[in-house]
Amino acid sequence: MRHVFIRGIAALIWMAAAVISGLSGSFEMMVLYVILGGVFLYSAYAAGKKEKDNKGGR
């Protein structure tokens, strides 16, 4: 479960970087950070769902 939290925190950091980049006017980097944040969010969601499904199957 710890890796789900770590991935979620990493996603929040990438999203914060995207906001800061957008405010500073670097839209190319903002897009990159949004994509990276989305990948981390999806990874955390998929890992959490897989772990939840495995617990229910015992």
PDB file of N, CA and C in Angstrom:
ATOM      1  N   MET A   1       0.814  -1.185   0.000  1.00  0.00           N
ATOM      2  CA  MET A   1       0.000   0.000   0.000  1.00  0.00           C
ATOM      3  C   MET A   1       0.865   1.260   0.000  1.00  0.00           C
ATOM      4  N   ARG A   2       2.055   1.141   0.529  1.00  0.00           N
ATOM      5  CA  ARG A   2       2.942   2.291   0.614  1.00  0.00           C
ATOM      6  C   ARG A   2       3.297   2.830  -0.770  1.00  0.00           C
ATOM      7  N   HIS A   3       3.498   1.927  -1.743  1.00  0.00           N
ATOM      8  CA  HIS A   3       3.869   2.381  -3.076  1.00  0.00           C
ATOM      9  C   HIS A   3       2.740   3.162  -3.743  1.00  0.00           C
ATOM     10  N   VAL A   4       1.498   2.889  -3.383  1.00  0.00           N
ATOM     11  CA  VAL A   4       0.366   3.645  -3.927  1.00  0.00           C
ATOM     12  C   VAL A   4       0.431   5.079  -3.417  1.00  0.00           C
ATOM     13  N   PHE A   5       0.716   5.247  -2.128  1.00  0.00           N
ATOM     14  CA  PHE A   5       0.828   6.589  -1.562  1.00  0.00           C
ATOM     15  C   PHE A   5       2.005   7.354  -2.165  1.00  0.00           C
ATOM     16  N   ILE A   6       3.121   6.680  -2.348  1.00  0.00           N
ATOM     17  CA  ILE A   6       4.292   7.337  -2.915  1.00  0.00           C
ATOM     18  C   ILE A   6       4.008   7.796  -4.337  1.00  0.00           C
ATOM     19  N   ARG A   7       3.343   6.951  -5.135  1.00  0.00           N
ATOM     20  CA  ARG A   7       2.997   7.344  -6.500  1.00  0.00           C
ATOM     21  C   ARG A   7       2.003   8.495  -6.500  1.00  0.00           C
ATOM     22  N   GLY A   8       1.072   8.482  -5.572  1.00  0.00           N
ATOM     23  CA  GLY A   8       0.105   9.574  -5.474  1.00  0.00           C
ATOM     24  C   GLY A   8       0.768  10.890  -5.114  1.00  0.00           C
ATOM     25  N   ILE A   9       1.707  10.844  -4.184  1.00  0.00           N
ATOM     26  CA  ILE A   9       2.435  12.055  -3.796  1.00  0.00           C
ATOM     27  C   ILE A   9       3.280  12.560  -4.957  1.00  0.00           C
ATOM     28  N   ALA A  10       3.928  11.643  -5.679  1.00  0.00           N
ATOM     29  CA  ALA A  10       4.722  12.044  -6.847  1.00  0.00           C
ATOM     30  C   ALA A  10       3.830  12.696  -7.898  1.00  0.00           C
ATOM     31  N   ALA A  11       2.622  12.178  -8.078  1.00  0.00           N
ATOM     32  CA  ALA A  11       1.687  12.774  -9.037  1.00  0.00           C
ATOM     33  C   ALA A  11       1.304  14.184  -8.605  1.00  0.00           C
ATOM     34  N   LEU A  12       1.069  14.383  -7.319  1.00  0.00           N
ATOM     35  CA  LEU A  12       0.732  15.721  -6.835  1.00  0.00           C
ATOM     36  C   LEU A  12       1.880  16.702  -7.040  1.00  0.00           C
ATOM     37  N   ILE A  13       3.095  16.226  -6.847  1.00  0.00           N
ATOM     38  CA  ILE A  13       4.262  17.087  -7.070  1.00  0.00           C
ATOM     39  C   ILE A  13       4.359  17.477  -8.543  1.00  0.00           C
ATOM     40  N   TRP A  14       4.146  16.513  -9.468  1.00  0.00           N
ATOM     41  CA  TRP A  14       4.185  16.824 -10.894  1.00  0.00           C
ATOM     42  C   TRP A  14       3.084  17.805 -11.273  1.00  0.00           C
ATOM     43  N   MET A  15       1.894  17.641 -10.680  1.00  0.00           N
ATOM     44  CA  MET A  15       0.794  18.557 -10.977  1.00  0.00           C
ATOM     45  C   MET A  15       1.085  19.958 -10.450  1.00  0.00           C
ATOM     46  N   ALA A  16       1.714  20.046  -9.279  1.00  0.00           N
ATOM     47  CA  ALA A  16       2.107  21.352  -8.749  1.00  0.00           C
ATOM     48  C   ALA A  16       3.140  22.008  -9.658  1.00  0.00           C
ATOM     49  N   ALA A  17       4.065  21.221 -10.167  1.00  0.00           N
ATOM     50  CA  ALA A  17       5.060  21.750 -11.103  1.00  0.00           C
ATOM     51  C   ALA A  17       4.381  22.239 -12.381  1.00  0.00           C
ATOM     52  N   ALA A  18       3.329  21.543 -12.808  1.00  0.00           N
ATOM     53  CA  ALA A  18       2.594  21.963 -13.997  1.00  0.00           C
ATOM     54  C   ALA A  18       1.920  23.309 -13.759  1.00  0.00           C
ATOM     55  N   VAL A  19       1.332  23.490 -12.598  1.00  0.00           N
ATOM     56  CA  VAL A  19       0.679  24.763 -12.285  1.00  0.00           C
ATOM     57  C   VAL A  19       1.701  25.895 -12.255  1.00  0.00           C
ATOM     58  N   ILE A  20       2.824  25.651 -11.607  1.00  0.00           N
ATOM     59  CA  ILE A  20       3.863  26.676 -11.514  1.00  0.00           C
ATOM     60  C   ILE A  20       4.406  27.002 -12.901  1.00  0.00           C
ATOM     61  N   SER A  21       4.607  26.001 -13.733  1.00  0.00           N
ATOM     62  CA  SER A  21       5.093  26.240 -15.091  1.00  0.00           C
ATOM     63  C   SER A  21       4.067  27.013 -15.912  1.00  0.00           C
ATOM     64  N   GLY A  22       2.800  26.685 -15.736  1.00  0.00           N
ATOM     65  CA  GLY A  22       1.756  27.405 -16.449  1.00  0.00           C
ATOM     66  C   GLY A  22       1.696  28.864 -16.041  1.00  0.00           C
ATOM     67  N   LEU A  23       1.854  29.123 -14.753  1.00  0.00           N
ATOM     68  CA  LEU A  23       1.830  30.502 -14.271  1.00  0.00           C
ATOM     69  C   LEU A  23       3.042  31.298 -14.744  1.00  0.00           C
ATOM     70  N   SER A  24       4.166  30.621 -14.898  1.00  0.00           N
ATOM     71  CA  SER A  24       5.378  31.320 -15.344  1.00  0.00           C
ATOM     72  C   SER A  24       5.436  31.469 -16.858  1.00  0.00           C
ATOM     73  N   GLY A  25       4.522  30.803 -17.569  1.00  0.00           N
ATOM     74  CA  GLY A  25       4.448  30.977 -19.012  1.00  0.00           C
ATOM     75  C   GLY A  25       5.137  29.906 -19.828  1.00  0.00           C
ATOM     76  N   SER A  26       5.656  28.883 -19.192  1.00  0.00           N
ATOM     77  CA  SER A  26       6.326  27.803 -19.909  1.00  0.00           C
ATOM     78  C   SER A  26       5.310  26.699 -20.198  1.00  0.00           C
ATOM     79  N   PHE A  27       4.532  26.886 -21.270  1.00  0.00           N
ATOM     80  CA  PHE A  27       3.428  25.984 -21.548  1.00  0.00           C
ATOM     81  C   PHE A  27       3.885  24.615 -22.052  1.00  0.00           C
ATOM     82  N   GLU A  28       5.030  24.551 -22.698  1.00  0.00           N
ATOM     83  CA  GLU A  28       5.537  23.256 -23.151  1.00  0.00           C
ATOM     84  C   GLU A  28       5.870  22.366 -21.956  1.00  0.00           C
ATOM     85  N   MET A  29       6.519  22.954 -20.959  1.00  0.00           N
ATOM     86  CA  MET A  29       6.860  22.185 -19.759  1.00  0.00           C
ATOM     87  C   MET A  29       5.600  21.850 -18.961  1.00  0.00           C
ATOM     88  N   MET A  30       4.621  22.738 -18.989  1.00  0.00           N
ATOM     89  CA  MET A  30       3.375  22.472 -18.292  1.00  0.00           C
ATOM     90  C   MET A  30       2.703  21.223 -18.857  1.00  0.00           C
ATOM     91  N   VAL A  31       2.686  21.114 -20.171  1.00  0.00           N
ATOM     92  CA  VAL A  31       2.079  19.944 -20.807  1.00  0.00           C
ATOM     93  C   VAL A  31       2.833  18.674 -20.416  1.00  0.00           C
ATOM     94  N   LEU A  32       4.145  18.749 -20.427  1.00  0.00           N
ATOM     95  CA  LEU A  32       4.959  17.597 -20.031  1.00  0.00           C
ATOM     96  C   LEU A  32       4.660  17.177 -18.597  1.00  0.00           C
ATOM     97  N   TYR A  33       4.572  18.151 -17.686  1.00  0.00           N
ATOM     98  CA  TYR A  33       4.321  17.840 -16.285  1.00  0.00           C
ATOM     99  C   TYR A  33       2.918  17.292 -16.069  1.00  0.00           C
ATOM    100  N   VAL A  34       1.950  17.778 -16.827  1.00  0.00           N
ATOM    101  CA  VAL A  34       0.592  17.243 -16.716  1.00  0.00           C
ATOM    102  C   VAL A  34       0.570  15.782 -17.172  1.00  0.00           C
ATOM    103  N   ILE A  35       1.273  15.491 -18.260  1.00  0.00           N
ATOM    104  CA  ILE A  35       1.330  14.108 -18.748  1.00  0.00           C
ATOM    105  C   ILE A  35       2.003  13.211 -17.713  1.00  0.00           C
ATOM    106  N   LEU A  36       3.133  13.653 -17.165  1.00  0.00           N
ATOM    107  CA  LEU A  36       3.829  12.863 -16.150  1.00  0.00           C
ATOM    108  C   LEU A  36       2.964  12.665 -14.905  1.00  0.00           C
ATOM    109  N   GLY A  37       2.287  13.719 -14.476  1.00  0.00           N
ATOM    110  CA  GLY A  37       1.395  13.600 -13.331  1.00  0.00           C
ATOM    111  C   GLY A  37       0.255  12.632 -13.602  1.00  0.00           C
ATOM    112  N   GLY A  38      -0.284  12.674 -14.821  1.00  0.00           N
ATOM    113  CA  GLY A  38      -1.348  11.751 -15.190  1.00  0.00           C
ATOM    114  C   GLY A  38      -0.886  10.304 -15.198  1.00  0.00           C
ATOM    115  N   VAL A  39       0.319  10.082 -15.673  1.00  0.00           N
ATOM    116  CA  VAL A  39       0.869   8.721 -15.688  1.00  0.00           C
ATOM    117  C   VAL A  39       1.029   8.202 -14.256  1.00  0.00           C
ATOM    118  N   PHE A  40       1.539   9.052 -13.382  1.00  0.00           N
ATOM    119  CA  PHE A  40       1.700   8.630 -11.990  1.00  0.00           C
ATOM    120  C   PHE A  40       0.347   8.405 -11.326  1.00  0.00           C
ATOM    121  N   LEU A  41      -0.642   9.264 -11.601  1.00  0.00           N
ATOM    122  CA  LEU A  41      -1.976   9.066 -11.036  1.00  0.00           C
ATOM    123  C   LEU A  41      -2.593   7.762 -11.516  1.00  0.00           C
ATOM    124  N   TYR A  42      -2.467   7.491 -12.808  1.00  0.00           N
ATOM    125  CA  TYR A  42      -3.009   6.246 -13.344  1.00  0.00           C
ATOM    126  C   TYR A  42      -2.308   5.039 -12.728  1.00  0.00           C
ATOM    127  N   SER A  43      -0.991   5.137 -12.584  1.00  0.00           N
ATOM    128  CA  SER A  43      -0.224   4.051 -11.989  1.00  0.00           C
ATOM    129  C   SER A  43      -0.661   3.799 -10.543  1.00  0.00           C
ATOM    130  N   ALA A  44      -0.863   4.867  -9.778  1.00  0.00           N
ATOM    131  CA  ALA A  44      -1.307   4.714  -8.390  1.00  0.00           C
ATOM    132  C   ALA A  44      -2.705   4.109  -8.349  1.00  0.00           C
ATOM    133  N   TYR A  45      -3.587   4.555  -9.229  1.00  0.00           N
ATOM    134  CA  TYR A  45      -4.952   4.025  -9.261  1.00  0.00           C
ATOM    135  C   TYR A  45      -4.955   2.541  -9.617  1.00  0.00           C
ATOM    136  N   ALA A  46      -4.195   2.179 -10.650  1.00  0.00           N
ATOM    137  CA  ALA A  46      -4.162   0.781 -11.087  1.00  0.00           C
ATOM    138  C   ALA A  46      -3.559  -0.116 -10.007  1.00  0.00           C
ATOM    139  N   ALA A  47      -2.502   0.336  -9.354  1.00  0.00           N
ATOM    140  CA  ALA A  47      -1.883  -0.467  -8.295  1.00  0.00           C
ATOM    141  C   ALA A  47      -2.821  -0.605  -7.106  1.00  0.00           C
ATOM    142  N   GLY A  48      -3.501   0.466  -6.755  1.00  0.00           N
ATOM    143  CA  GLY A  48      -4.447   0.398  -5.641  1.00  0.00           C
ATOM    144  C   GLY A  48      -5.611  -0.520  -5.944  1.00  0.00           C
ATOM    145  N   LYS A  49      -6.116  -0.457  -7.170  1.00  0.00           N
ATOM    146  CA  LYS A  49      -7.229  -1.318  -7.561  1.00  0.00           C
ATOM    147  C   LYS A  49      -6.799  -2.789  -7.574  1.00  0.00           C
ATOM    148  N   LYS A  50      -5.597  -3.047  -8.089  1.00  0.00           N
ATOM    149  CA  LYS A  50      -5.089  -4.417  -8.135  1.00  0.00           C
ATOM    150  C   LYS A  50      -4.905  -4.967  -6.722  1.00  0.00           C
ATOM    151  N   GLU A  51      -4.371  -4.146  -5.842  1.00  0.00           N
ATOM    152  CA  GLU A  51      -4.164  -4.582  -4.467  1.00  0.00           C
ATOM    153  C   GLU A  51      -5.503  -4.826  -3.771  1.00  0.00           C
ATOM    154  N   LYS A  52      -6.468  -3.979  -4.036  1.00  0.00           N
ATOM    155  CA  LYS A  52      -7.801  -4.148  -3.432  1.00  0.00           C
ATOM    156  C   LYS A  52      -8.459  -5.429  -3.944  1.00  0.00           C
ATOM    157  N   ASP A  53      -8.322  -5.711  -5.246  1.00  0.00           N
ATOM    158  CA  ASP A  53      -8.884  -6.931  -5.806  1.00  0.00           C
ATOM    159  C   ASP A  53      -8.218  -8.174  -5.239  1.00  0.00           C
ATOM    160  N   ASN A  54      -6.919  -8.105  -5.021  1.00  0.00           N
ATOM    161  CA  ASN A  54      -6.208  -9.260  -4.471  1.00  0.00           C
ATOM    162  C   ASN A  54      -6.600  -9.527  -3.018  1.00  0.00           C
ATOM    163  N   LYS A  55      -6.878  -8.494  -2.246  1.00  0.00           N
ATOM    164  CA  LYS A  55      -7.303  -8.682  -0.865  1.00  0.00           C
ATOM    165  C   LYS A  55      -8.669  -9.325  -0.796  1.00  0.00           C
ATOM    166  N   GLY A  56      -9.559  -8.963  -1.705  1.00  0.00           N
ATOM    167  CA  GLY A  56     -10.904  -9.520  -1.703  1.00  0.00           C
ATOM    168  C   GLY A  56     -10.955 -10.967  -2.122  1.00  0.00           C
ATOM    169  N   GLY A  57      -9.947 -11.450  -2.834  1.00  0.00           N
ATOM    170  CA  GLY A  57      -9.948 -12.801  -3.337  1.00  0.00           C
ATOM    171  C   GLY A  57      -9.437 -13.846  -2.374  1.00  0.00           C
ATOM    172  N   ARG A  58      -9.021 -13.463  -1.197  1.00  0.00           N
ATOM    173  CA  ARG A  58      -8.456 -14.418  -0.239  1.00  0.00           C
ATOM    174  C   ARG A  58      -9.462 -15.370   0.290  1.00  0.00           C
TER     175      ARG A  58
END
